[in-house]
Amino acid sequence: MYGGQGNRNFRDRDEPREMFKATCSDCGAECEVPFKPTQGRPVYCRDCYKKHAPARDDRRRY
């Protein structure tokens, strides 16, 4: 089961990821995102995403 084959459902890390051009919903800057933007859902550039992303709790809970 775990004989080094890996999970075939995951994208090969060596393949370049397809990027899509978008306009940031916050600042209007042109940016690229790794998913196809959907009408009616906001898309943020890297800087604006940081402002809108939920706060991360970096502590690991076991």
PDB file of N, CA and C in Angstrom:
ATOM      1  N   MET A   1       0.815  -1.187   0.000  1.00  0.00           N
ATOM      2  CA  MET A   1       0.000   0.000   0.000  1.00  0.00           C
ATOM      3  C   MET A   1       0.865   1.260   0.000  1.00  0.00           C
ATOM      4  N   TYR A   2       1.895   1.300   0.833  1.00  0.00           N
ATOM      5  CA  TYR A   2       2.765   2.463   0.912  1.00  0.00           C
ATOM      6  C   TYR A   2       4.138   2.140   0.338  1.00  0.00           C
ATOM      7  N   GLY A   3       4.191   1.435  -0.757  1.00  0.00           N
ATOM      8  CA  GLY A   3       5.442   0.972  -1.338  1.00  0.00           C
ATOM      9  C   GLY A   3       6.177   2.008  -2.161  1.00  0.00           C
ATOM     10  N   GLY A   4       6.157   3.253  -1.767  1.00  0.00           N
ATOM     11  CA  GLY A   4       6.902   4.273  -2.476  1.00  0.00           C
ATOM     12  C   GLY A   4       6.178   4.832  -3.689  1.00  0.00           C
ATOM     13  N   GLN A   5       4.999   4.350  -3.986  1.00  0.00           N
ATOM     14  CA  GLN A   5       4.262   4.834  -5.138  1.00  0.00           C
ATOM     15  C   GLN A   5       3.701   6.223  -4.902  1.00  0.00           C
ATOM     16  N   GLY A   6       3.412   6.560  -3.675  1.00  0.00           N
ATOM     17  CA  GLY A   6       2.807   7.853  -3.371  1.00  0.00           C
ATOM     18  C   GLY A   6       1.327   7.845  -3.712  1.00  0.00           C
ATOM     19  N   ASN A   7       0.676   8.905  -3.403  1.00  0.00           N
ATOM     20  CA  ASN A   7      -0.740   9.027  -3.698  1.00  0.00           C
ATOM     21  C   ASN A   7      -0.895   9.613  -5.085  1.00  0.00           C
ATOM     22  N   ARG A   8      -1.463   8.870  -5.985  1.00  0.00           N
ATOM     23  CA  ARG A   8      -1.572   9.313  -7.369  1.00  0.00           C
ATOM     24  C   ARG A   8      -2.605  10.419  -7.552  1.00  0.00           C
ATOM     25  N   ASN A   9      -3.355  10.756  -6.516  1.00  0.00           N
ATOM     26  CA  ASN A   9      -4.331  11.827  -6.618  1.00  0.00           C
ATOM     27  C   ASN A   9      -3.680  13.205  -6.510  1.00  0.00           C
ATOM     28  N   PHE A  10      -2.468  13.281  -5.992  1.00  0.00           N
ATOM     29  CA  PHE A  10      -1.793  14.557  -5.836  1.00  0.00           C
ATOM     30  C   PHE A  10      -0.992  14.881  -7.083  1.00  0.00           C
ATOM     31  N   ARG A  11      -0.959  16.156  -7.424  1.00  0.00           N
ATOM     32  CA  ARG A  11      -0.220  16.649  -8.577  1.00  0.00           C
ATOM     33  C   ARG A  11       1.274  16.403  -8.354  1.00  0.00           C
ATOM     34  N   ASP A  12       1.969  16.011  -9.416  1.00  0.00           N
ATOM     35  CA  ASP A  12       3.412  15.815  -9.349  1.00  0.00           C
ATOM     36  C   ASP A  12       4.067  17.151  -9.024  1.00  0.00           C
ATOM     37  N   ARG A  13       4.864  17.211  -7.987  1.00  0.00           N
ATOM     38  CA  ARG A  13       5.468  18.467  -7.523  1.00  0.00           C
ATOM     39  C   ARG A  13       6.408  19.080  -8.558  1.00  0.00           C
ATOM     40  N   ASP A  14       6.914  18.287  -9.513  1.00  0.00           N
ATOM     41  CA  ASP A  14       7.819  18.812 -10.522  1.00  0.00           C
ATOM     42  C   ASP A  14       7.084  19.496 -11.664  1.00  0.00           C
ATOM     43  N   GLU A  15       5.789  19.254 -11.800  1.00  0.00           N
ATOM     44  CA  GLU A  15       5.017  19.886 -12.869  1.00  0.00           C
ATOM     45  C   GLU A  15       4.705  21.326 -12.486  1.00  0.00           C
ATOM     46  N   PRO A  16       4.853  22.247 -13.440  1.00  0.00           N
ATOM     47  CA  PRO A  16       4.473  23.629 -13.127  1.00  0.00           C
ATOM     48  C   PRO A  16       2.961  23.728 -12.958  1.00  0.00           C
ATOM     49  N   ARG A  17       2.538  24.520 -12.010  1.00  0.00           N
ATOM     50  CA  ARG A  17       1.125  24.667 -11.727  1.00  0.00           C
ATOM     51  C   ARG A  17       0.514  25.679 -12.697  1.00  0.00           C
ATOM     52  N   GLU A  18      -0.654  25.367 -13.235  1.00  0.00           N
ATOM     53  CA  GLU A  18      -1.319  26.291 -14.142  1.00  0.00           C
ATOM     54  C   GLU A  18      -1.800  27.499 -13.345  1.00  0.00           C
ATOM     55  N   MET A  19      -1.495  28.690 -13.851  1.00  0.00           N
ATOM     56  CA  MET A  19      -1.877  29.921 -13.182  1.00  0.00           C
ATOM     57  C   MET A  19      -2.862  30.676 -14.069  1.00  0.00           C
ATOM     58  N   PHE A  20      -3.757  31.425 -13.428  1.00  0.00           N
ATOM     59  CA  PHE A  20      -4.787  32.174 -14.131  1.00  0.00           C
ATOM     60  C   PHE A  20      -4.655  33.653 -13.787  1.00  0.00           C
ATOM     61  N   LYS A  21      -4.798  34.506 -14.790  1.00  0.00           N
ATOM     62  CA  LYS A  21      -4.744  35.947 -14.567  1.00  0.00           C
ATOM     63  C   LYS A  21      -6.041  36.393 -13.906  1.00  0.00           C
ATOM     64  N   ALA A  22      -5.905  37.330 -12.971  1.00  0.00           N
ATOM     65  CA  ALA A  22      -7.067  37.848 -12.252  1.00  0.00           C
ATOM     66  C   ALA A  22      -6.797  39.287 -11.840  1.00  0.00           C
ATOM     67  N   THR A  23      -7.839  39.951 -11.415  1.00  0.00           N
ATOM     68  CA  THR A  23      -7.744  41.304 -10.876  1.00  0.00           C
ATOM     69  C   THR A  23      -8.150  41.242  -9.412  1.00  0.00           C
ATOM     70  N   CYS A  24      -7.312  41.775  -8.548  1.00  0.00           N
ATOM     71  CA  CYS A  24      -7.586  41.757  -7.108  1.00  0.00           C
ATOM     72  C   CYS A  24      -8.887  42.503  -6.817  1.00  0.00           C
ATOM     73  N   SER A  25      -9.755  41.863  -6.069  1.00  0.00           N
ATOM     74  CA  SER A  25     -11.044  42.457  -5.706  1.00  0.00           C
ATOM     75  C   SER A  25     -10.895  43.606  -4.724  1.00  0.00           C
ATOM     76  N   ASP A  26      -9.749  43.704  -4.066  1.00  0.00           N
ATOM     77  CA  ASP A  26      -9.535  44.734  -3.052  1.00  0.00           C
ATOM     78  C   ASP A  26      -8.849  45.966  -3.635  1.00  0.00           C
ATOM     79  N   CYS A  27      -7.664  45.765  -4.226  1.00  0.00           N
ATOM     80  CA  CYS A  27      -6.868  46.910  -4.679  1.00  0.00           C
ATOM     81  C   CYS A  27      -6.884  47.105  -6.189  1.00  0.00           C
ATOM     82  N   GLY A  28      -7.406  46.135  -6.940  1.00  0.00           N
ATOM     83  CA  GLY A  28      -7.497  46.259  -8.392  1.00  0.00           C
ATOM     84  C   GLY A  28      -6.232  45.894  -9.140  1.00  0.00           C
ATOM     85  N   ALA A  29      -5.215  45.392  -8.446  1.00  0.00           N
ATOM     86  CA  ALA A  29      -3.959  45.023  -9.093  1.00  0.00           C
ATOM     87  C   ALA A  29      -4.130  43.738  -9.903  1.00  0.00           C
ATOM     88  N   GLU A  30      -3.383  43.639 -10.995  1.00  0.00           N
ATOM     89  CA  GLU A  30      -3.357  42.401 -11.772  1.00  0.00           C
ATOM     90  C   GLU A  30      -2.530  41.382 -10.997  1.00  0.00           C
ATOM     91  N   CYS A  31      -2.989  40.138 -10.974  1.00  0.00           N
ATOM     92  CA  CYS A  31      -2.263  39.091 -10.263  1.00  0.00           C
ATOM     93  C   CYS A  31      -2.524  37.760 -10.943  1.00  0.00           C
ATOM     94  N   GLU A  32      -1.834  36.727 -10.498  1.00  0.00           N
ATOM     95  CA  GLU A  32      -2.048  35.371 -10.987  1.00  0.00           C
ATOM     96  C   GLU A  32      -2.383  34.494  -9.801  1.00  0.00           C
ATOM     97  N   VAL A  33      -3.343  33.605 -10.006  1.00  0.00           N
ATOM     98  CA  VAL A  33      -3.778  32.700  -8.946  1.00  0.00           C
ATOM     99  C   VAL A  33      -3.772  31.270  -9.466  1.00  0.00           C
ATOM    100  N   PRO A  34      -3.594  30.269  -8.578  1.00  0.00           N
ATOM    101  CA  PRO A  34      -3.505  28.870  -9.008  1.00  0.00           C
ATOM    102  C   PRO A  34      -4.864  28.186  -9.153  1.00  0.00           C
ATOM    103  N   PHE A  35      -5.918  28.953  -9.389  1.00  0.00           N
ATOM    104  CA  PHE A  35      -7.254  28.392  -9.595  1.00  0.00           C
ATOM    105  C   PHE A  35      -7.987  29.292 -10.576  1.00  0.00           C
ATOM    106  N   LYS A  36      -8.997  28.749 -11.233  1.00  0.00           N
ATOM    107  CA  LYS A  36      -9.764  29.542 -12.179  1.00  0.00           C
ATOM    108  C   LYS A  36     -10.760  30.394 -11.404  1.00  0.00           C
ATOM    109  N   PRO A  37     -10.636  31.717 -11.496  1.00  0.00           N
ATOM    110  CA  PRO A  37     -11.548  32.595 -10.760  1.00  0.00           C
ATOM    111  C   PRO A  37     -13.005  32.363 -11.177  1.00  0.00           C
ATOM    112  N   THR A  38     -13.896  32.429 -10.204  1.00  0.00           N
ATOM    113  CA  THR A  38     -15.323  32.234 -10.423  1.00  0.00           C
ATOM    114  C   THR A  38     -16.030  33.569 -10.223  1.00  0.00           C
ATOM    115  N   GLN A  39     -16.921  33.896 -11.140  1.00  0.00           N
ATOM    116  CA  GLN A  39     -17.659  35.155 -11.035  1.00  0.00           C
ATOM    117  C   GLN A  39     -18.468  35.174  -9.737  1.00  0.00           C
ATOM    118  N   GLY A  40     -18.424  36.298  -9.058  1.00  0.00           N
ATOM    119  CA  GLY A  40     -19.158  36.437  -7.805  1.00  0.00           C
ATOM    120  C   GLY A  40     -18.346  36.091  -6.569  1.00  0.00           C
ATOM    121  N   ARG A  41     -17.139  35.555  -6.745  1.00  0.00           N
ATOM    122  CA  ARG A  41     -16.269  35.238  -5.599  1.00  0.00           C
ATOM    123  C   ARG A  41     -15.042  36.126  -5.666  1.00  0.00           C
ATOM    124  N   PRO A  42     -14.674  36.746  -4.560  1.00  0.00           N
ATOM    125  CA  PRO A  42     -13.524  37.661  -4.593  1.00  0.00           C
ATOM    126  C   PRO A  42     -12.213  36.917  -4.796  1.00  0.00           C
ATOM    127  N   VAL A  43     -11.288  37.590  -5.483  1.00  0.00           N
ATOM    128  CA  VAL A  43      -9.930  37.095  -5.688  1.00  0.00           C
ATOM    129  C   VAL A  43      -9.004  38.184  -5.172  1.00  0.00           C
ATOM    130  N   TYR A  44      -8.021  37.810  -4.379  1.00  0.00           N
ATOM    131  CA  TYR A  44      -7.117  38.789  -3.793  1.00  0.00           C
ATOM    132  C   TYR A  44      -5.684  38.539  -4.248  1.00  0.00           C
ATOM    133  N   CYS A  45      -4.924  39.624  -4.427  1.00  0.00           N
ATOM    134  CA  CYS A  45      -3.494  39.501  -4.687  1.00  0.00           C
ATOM    135  C   CYS A  45      -2.838  39.009  -3.388  1.00  0.00           C
ATOM    136  N   ARG A  46      -1.584  38.713  -3.465  1.00  0.00           N
ATOM    137  CA  ARG A  46      -0.872  38.164  -2.292  1.00  0.00           C
ATOM    138  C   ARG A  46      -0.955  39.094  -1.083  1.00  0.00           C
ATOM    139  N   ASP A  47      -0.745  40.383  -1.306  1.00  0.00           N
ATOM    140  CA  ASP A  47      -0.748  41.332  -0.182  1.00  0.00           C
ATOM    141  C   ASP A  47      -2.144  41.463   0.430  1.00  0.00           C
ATOM    142  N   CYS A  48      -3.168  41.583  -0.414  1.00  0.00           N
ATOM    143  CA  CYS A  48      -4.531  41.744   0.106  1.00  0.00           C
ATOM    144  C   CYS A  48      -5.033  40.449   0.744  1.00  0.00           C
ATOM    145  N   TYR A  49      -4.592  39.312   0.228  1.00  0.00           N
ATOM    146  CA  TYR A  49      -4.997  38.037   0.824  1.00  0.00           C
ATOM    147  C   TYR A  49      -4.548  37.970   2.285  1.00  0.00           C
ATOM    148  N   LYS A  50      -3.351  38.459   2.534  1.00  0.00           N
ATOM    149  CA  LYS A  50      -2.836  38.443   3.912  1.00  0.00           C
ATOM    150  C   LYS A  50      -3.744  39.243   4.844  1.00  0.00           C
ATOM    151  N   LYS A  51      -4.347  40.317   4.323  1.00  0.00           N
ATOM    152  CA  LYS A  51      -5.245  41.138   5.147  1.00  0.00           C
ATOM    153  C   LYS A  51      -6.580  40.439   5.403  1.00  0.00           C
ATOM    154  N   HIS A  52      -7.024  39.611   4.463  1.00  0.00           N
ATOM    155  CA  HIS A  52      -8.335  38.980   4.553  1.00  0.00           C
ATOM    156  C   HIS A  52      -8.300  37.561   5.123  1.00  0.00           C
ATOM    157  N   ALA A  53      -7.133  36.939   5.122  1.00  0.00           N
ATOM    158  CA  ALA A  53      -7.022  35.550   5.587  1.00  0.00           C
ATOM    159  C   ALA A  53      -7.277  35.468   7.087  1.00  0.00           C
ATOM    160  N   PRO A  54      -7.909  34.393   7.536  1.00  0.00           N
ATOM    161  CA  PRO A  54      -8.110  34.232   8.977  1.00  0.00           C
ATOM    162  C   PRO A  54      -6.762  34.084   9.684  1.00  0.00           C
ATOM    163  N   ALA A  55      -6.715  34.536  10.918  1.00  0.00           N
ATOM    164  CA  ALA A  55      -5.474  34.428  11.695  1.00  0.00           C
ATOM    165  C   ALA A  55      -5.115  32.963  11.866  1.00  0.00           C
ATOM    166  N   ARG A  56      -3.851  32.654  11.664  1.00  0.00           N
ATOM    167  CA  ARG A  56      -3.383  31.275  11.804  1.00  0.00           C
ATOM    168  C   ARG A  56      -2.906  31.028  13.221  1.00  0.00           C
ATOM    169  N   ASP A  57      -3.228  29.864  13.720  1.00  0.00           N
ATOM    170  CA  ASP A  57      -2.718  29.433  15.016  1.00  0.00           C
ATOM    171  C   ASP A  57      -1.601  28.455  14.715  1.00  0.00           C
ATOM    172  N   ASP A  58      -0.352  28.907  14.832  1.00  0.00           N
ATOM    173  CA  ASP A  58       0.785  28.078  14.452  1.00  0.00           C
ATOM    174  C   ASP A  58       1.110  26.994  15.465  1.00  0.00           C
ATOM    175  N   ARG A  59       0.445  27.030  16.604  1.00  0.00           N
ATOM    176  CA  ARG A  59       0.696  25.971  17.591  1.00  0.00           C
ATOM    177  C   ARG A  59       0.010  24.693  17.133  1.00  0.00           C
ATOM    178  N   ARG A  60       0.737  23.603  17.233  1.00  0.00           N
ATOM    179  CA  ARG A  60       0.161  22.313  16.849  1.00  0.00           C
ATOM    180  C   ARG A  60      -0.504  21.681  18.040  1.00  0.00           C
ATOM    181  N   ARG A  61      -1.662  21.144  17.796  1.00  0.00           N
ATOM    182  CA  ARG A  61      -2.406  20.468  18.863  1.00  0.00           C
ATOM    183  C   ARG A  61      -2.394  18.980  18.581  1.00  0.00           C
ATOM    184  N   TYR A  62      -2.025  18.221  19.589  1.00  0.00           N
ATOM    185  CA  TYR A  62      -1.958  16.770  19.410  1.00  0.00           C
ATOM    186  C   TYR A  62      -2.997  16.092  20.256  1.00  0.00           C
TER     187      TYR A  62
END
